[in-house]
Protein backbone atom coordinates (compact mmCIF):
# COMPACT_ATOMS: atom_id res chain seq x y z
CA MET A 1 65.57 -37.26 -28.84
CA ARG A 2 64.26 -36.70 -25.34
CA ASN A 3 62.37 -39.34 -23.43
CA ILE A 4 58.83 -37.97 -22.91
CA SER A 5 56.18 -39.66 -20.76
CA ILE A 6 53.00 -40.75 -22.55
CA ILE A 7 50.92 -38.17 -20.64
CA GLY A 8 53.37 -35.40 -21.50
CA PHE A 9 53.21 -36.42 -25.15
CA ILE A 10 49.41 -36.53 -25.11
CA ILE A 11 49.20 -33.09 -23.51
CA LEU A 12 51.62 -31.76 -26.12
CA VAL A 13 49.60 -33.35 -28.94
CA LEU A 14 46.32 -32.03 -27.58
CA SER A 15 47.58 -28.51 -26.98
CA VAL A 16 49.25 -28.22 -30.38
CA SER A 17 46.92 -30.12 -32.67
CA CYS A 18 43.33 -29.87 -31.49
CA GLU A 19 40.88 -27.66 -33.31
CA SER A 20 39.11 -26.96 -30.01
CA ASN A 21 38.91 -28.48 -26.55
CA ASP A 22 37.78 -31.73 -28.11
CA GLY A 23 38.12 -31.48 -31.86
CA PRO A 24 39.78 -34.62 -33.19
CA VAL A 25 42.53 -34.39 -35.73
CA ASP A 26 44.61 -37.07 -37.42
CA ILE A 27 47.40 -37.17 -34.84
CA ILE A 28 44.90 -38.11 -32.10
CA GLN A 29 44.53 -41.46 -33.87
CA SER A 30 47.95 -42.34 -32.49
CA ILE A 31 46.85 -42.11 -28.84
CA ASN A 32 46.67 -45.54 -27.28
CA ILE A 33 43.44 -45.31 -25.28
CA ASP A 34 44.15 -48.45 -23.25
CA SER A 35 47.51 -47.03 -22.13
CA LEU A 36 45.90 -43.69 -21.30
CA VAL A 37 43.22 -45.35 -19.16
CA LEU A 38 45.89 -47.38 -17.30
CA LYS A 39 48.04 -44.28 -16.77
CA ASN A 40 45.05 -42.33 -15.44
CA ALA A 41 44.15 -45.22 -13.11
CA SER A 42 47.67 -45.07 -11.66
CA LYS A 43 47.09 -41.40 -10.70
CA VAL A 44 44.16 -42.11 -8.36
CA SER A 45 45.04 -40.69 -4.96
CA ILE A 46 41.72 -40.84 -3.11
CA LYS A 47 40.53 -43.49 -0.64
CA ASN A 48 36.76 -43.06 -1.05
CA GLY A 49 35.15 -41.78 -4.19
CA ILE A 50 35.00 -41.99 -7.95
CA ALA A 51 37.88 -41.69 -10.40
CA GLY A 52 38.52 -42.48 -14.01
CA THR A 53 38.91 -41.32 -17.57
CA LEU A 54 36.49 -39.31 -19.71
CA LEU A 55 36.59 -40.03 -23.44
CA LYS A 56 34.63 -38.79 -26.42
CA LYS A 57 33.76 -41.05 -29.33
CA ALA A 58 32.79 -39.30 -32.56
CA GLY A 59 32.44 -39.99 -36.25
CA ASP A 60 31.23 -42.99 -38.18
CA CYS A 61 31.82 -45.88 -35.77
CA MET A 62 29.81 -48.44 -37.66
CA PRO A 63 31.77 -51.51 -38.77
CA MET A 64 34.02 -50.47 -41.61
CA ILE A 65 32.58 -51.63 -44.92
CA SER A 66 33.74 -49.09 -47.45
CA GLY A 67 37.07 -48.22 -45.83
CA SER A 68 35.89 -44.76 -44.78
CA ASN A 69 35.72 -45.30 -41.02
CA THR A 70 36.02 -41.90 -39.32
CA CYS A 71 35.52 -43.16 -35.77
CA ARG A 72 37.76 -41.44 -33.21
CA THR A 73 38.02 -41.89 -29.45
CA TYR A 74 39.96 -39.28 -27.52
CA PRO A 75 40.16 -37.72 -24.03
CA VAL A 76 38.17 -34.58 -23.26
CA SER A 77 37.82 -32.12 -20.42
CA ARG A 78 34.32 -31.69 -19.00
CA THR A 79 32.59 -31.23 -15.65
CA ILE A 80 31.56 -34.49 -13.99
CA LEU A 81 28.48 -34.25 -11.75
CA ILE A 82 27.67 -36.81 -9.05
CA TYR A 83 24.08 -36.91 -7.81
CA ASN A 84 22.29 -39.11 -5.32
CA SER A 85 21.09 -42.25 -7.09
CA THR A 86 18.75 -40.81 -9.73
CA ASN A 87 15.77 -42.54 -11.38
CA MET A 88 14.21 -41.75 -14.74
CA ASN A 89 11.35 -39.94 -12.99
CA GLN A 90 13.86 -37.48 -11.47
CA VAL A 91 15.10 -36.04 -14.77
CA GLU A 92 13.52 -33.83 -17.39
CA GLY A 93 13.98 -34.44 -21.09
CA TRP A 94 15.04 -37.54 -22.95
CA GLY A 95 18.25 -39.44 -22.48
CA PRO A 96 21.02 -39.62 -22.95
CA SER A 97 21.06 -35.78 -22.86
CA TYR A 98 18.73 -34.60 -20.11
CA ASN A 99 17.55 -31.01 -19.62
CA SER A 100 17.73 -31.13 -15.81
CA VAL A 101 18.35 -33.48 -12.90
CA ASN A 102 16.00 -33.20 -9.93
CA SER A 103 17.95 -35.07 -7.27
CA LYS A 104 20.59 -33.83 -4.84
CA LEU A 105 23.96 -32.84 -6.31
CA ILE A 106 26.60 -34.46 -4.10
CA ALA A 107 29.87 -33.42 -5.77
CA LYS A 108 31.43 -32.24 -8.98
CA CYS A 109 34.90 -32.26 -10.48
CA ASN A 110 36.56 -31.56 -13.78
CA ALA A 111 38.23 -34.03 -16.09
CA ASP A 112 41.58 -32.65 -17.22
CA GLN A 113 42.96 -32.55 -20.78
CA VAL A 114 43.81 -36.26 -20.67
CA GLY A 115 40.35 -37.10 -19.36
CA PHE A 116 41.48 -37.86 -15.78
CA PHE A 117 39.09 -37.08 -12.96
CA GLN A 118 38.69 -37.97 -9.30
CA VAL A 119 36.42 -36.82 -6.51
CA THR A 120 36.17 -37.86 -2.87
CA ILE A 121 32.68 -38.82 -1.73
CA ASP A 122 31.23 -40.98 1.03
CA PRO A 123 30.30 -44.61 0.42
CA GLY A 124 26.88 -44.94 -1.20
CA LYS A 125 24.96 -45.23 -4.44
CA TYR A 126 25.14 -42.41 -6.94
CA SER A 127 24.38 -41.39 -10.51
CA ILE A 128 27.06 -39.76 -12.60
CA PHE A 129 26.39 -37.19 -15.34
CA ILE A 130 28.66 -35.30 -17.70
CA LYS A 131 27.89 -31.63 -18.26
CA GLU A 132 27.77 -31.20 -22.02
CA ASN A 133 26.83 -27.68 -23.11
CA ASP A 134 23.56 -27.02 -21.27
CA LYS A 135 22.64 -30.73 -20.95
CA PHE A 136 23.31 -33.52 -18.47
CA TYR A 137 24.68 -36.51 -20.37
CA ALA A 138 24.33 -40.08 -19.07
CA ASN A 139 24.19 -42.99 -21.50
CA SER A 140 23.28 -45.96 -19.32
CA THR A 141 20.81 -47.29 -16.78
CA ASP A 142 20.81 -50.32 -14.53
CA GLY A 143 17.65 -51.80 -16.07
CA GLN A 144 15.60 -50.67 -13.09
CA GLY A 145 15.52 -46.99 -14.00
CA VAL A 146 18.63 -45.77 -12.16
CA ILE A 147 20.65 -43.57 -14.50
CA ASN A 148 24.42 -44.15 -14.90
CA PRO A 149 24.74 -45.86 -11.50
CA VAL A 150 27.94 -46.11 -9.51
CA THR A 151 28.51 -47.54 -6.04
CA VAL A 152 31.27 -46.26 -3.78
CA LYS A 153 32.38 -48.73 -1.12
CA THR A 154 34.24 -47.98 2.12
CA ASP A 155 37.99 -47.50 1.60
CA SER A 156 37.66 -47.85 -2.15
CA ALA A 157 37.71 -45.59 -5.18
CA SER A 158 35.33 -46.74 -7.90
CA THR A 159 37.21 -46.37 -11.18
CA MET A 160 35.44 -46.05 -14.50
CA VAL A 161 35.72 -44.98 -18.08
CA LEU A 162 32.99 -42.54 -19.09
CA ILE A 163 32.29 -42.14 -22.80
CA LEU A 164 30.51 -39.27 -24.49
CA ASP A 165 29.19 -41.09 -27.53
CA TYR A 166 26.22 -39.05 -28.73
CA ALA A 167 28.16 -37.94 -31.83
CA VAL A 168 28.49 -41.48 -33.19
CA TYR A 169 26.47 -42.33 -36.29
C-alpha cells in the first residue's frame, strides 16, 4: 500500500465521497480535525495577514444522551471576506448571518477543499466574514460590538480556525 500524506488522503476522501462541496458522509468522521488544523498551519507562507482553517459543524451536536449524535465537523471551501473592523451598527440583518456589511472590504480569499486559507494584509484591526450563499456569516463579537475581530501585527500572520456552525441543533 502506498504512503499517502494526510492532506492527499483528505482530498481523495472529499472528492470521492462528498454529496456536494460540503455534504458530510460517514467517511468524513475519520478525518482528524486537530491534525488537519496543524497541517494547514504548517502551510502558511505569508508574513503579514490572516491564515487558517475553515470548518463546518453540522448535525445534532448536543451532548449525546440517546446515542444518536449526528454531529460532524469537516473542512469546507468558501470565500473569506476581510473588512475594516466592523461594528454591529455597520451591518444589516441579524447575526450570525448578516444581509450586508457596510464597512470597507479590505481583502478576500478562498478556503480550499481542506479548509486552508491565507491572505496578505497590512497590520491592523479587521472583521472576518464567511460568504455563505447570499449572507455574510460571522458568529462572534468582542463584547464591545466588533464582529468577528482579528488583529494583524507587523511581521506576523494571525492564524485561526473559523467554524460555520449555524446548522447545529
